[in-house]
Protein backbone atom coordinates (compact mmCIF):
# COMPACT_ATOMS: atom_id res chain seq x y z
CA MET A 1 6.58 25.71 9.92
CA ALA A 2 8.70 22.76 8.88
CA LEU A 3 10.43 23.19 5.69
CA ILE A 4 9.27 20.60 2.95
CA PRO A 5 11.09 18.94 1.00
CA GLY A 6 11.47 19.21 -2.84
CA LYS A 7 10.79 15.35 -4.32
CA ILE A 8 9.14 13.36 -1.80
CA ASN A 9 8.73 9.55 -3.18
CA PRO A 10 5.90 8.42 -2.00
CA ARG A 11 6.70 4.89 -2.09
CA GLU A 12 9.68 5.42 0.62
CA ILE A 13 6.85 7.15 2.89
CA GLU A 14 4.49 4.08 2.51
CA LYS A 15 7.17 1.92 3.14
CA VAL A 16 7.88 3.73 6.68
CA LEU A 17 4.23 3.98 6.94
CA ASN A 18 3.71 0.54 6.41
CA LYS A 19 6.94 -0.01 9.07
CA MET A 20 5.32 2.12 11.49
CA PHE A 21 1.50 -0.12 11.47
CA SER A 22 2.54 -3.18 10.05
CA PRO A 23 -0.61 -5.91 9.35
CA GLU A 24 -0.08 -7.87 12.71
CA TRP A 25 -0.04 -5.00 15.24
CA LEU A 26 -2.90 -3.64 13.36
CA ARG A 27 -5.25 -6.33 14.61
CA GLU A 28 -3.63 -6.92 17.19
CA THR A 29 -3.86 -3.78 18.57
CA ALA A 30 -7.95 -4.08 17.40
CA ALA A 31 -8.48 -7.29 19.41
CA LYS A 32 -7.12 -5.56 22.61
CA VAL A 33 -8.68 -2.51 22.43
CA GLY A 34 -12.47 -4.70 21.62
CA TYR A 35 -12.91 -3.22 18.08
CA VAL A 36 -12.72 -6.42 16.69
CA GLN A 37 -15.25 -9.06 18.58
CA ARG A 38 -15.03 -11.24 14.91
CA ASN A 39 -13.02 -11.65 12.42
CA ARG A 40 -15.50 -11.07 9.59
CA LYS A 41 -16.08 -8.70 7.02
CA ILE A 42 -14.38 -5.80 7.98
CA ASP A 43 -10.32 -6.15 8.10
CA PRO A 44 -9.27 -4.18 10.76
CA VAL A 45 -6.21 -3.63 8.40
CA THR A 46 -8.71 -2.18 5.25
CA PHE A 47 -10.28 -0.03 8.08
CA PHE A 48 -7.42 1.37 8.95
CA TRP A 49 -5.55 2.20 5.70
CA VAL A 50 -8.77 3.53 4.23
């Protein structure tokens, strides 16, 4: 079992996740895999983060 550090900065976690899953990468990947056929109502980036 991994130890969890005492103080975790939520902003730091958010920064790292946004670097890992940039909006550009998410949109490109969504188009590649066929999730997005037309850009209309549901943004793949919003869908991913929700």
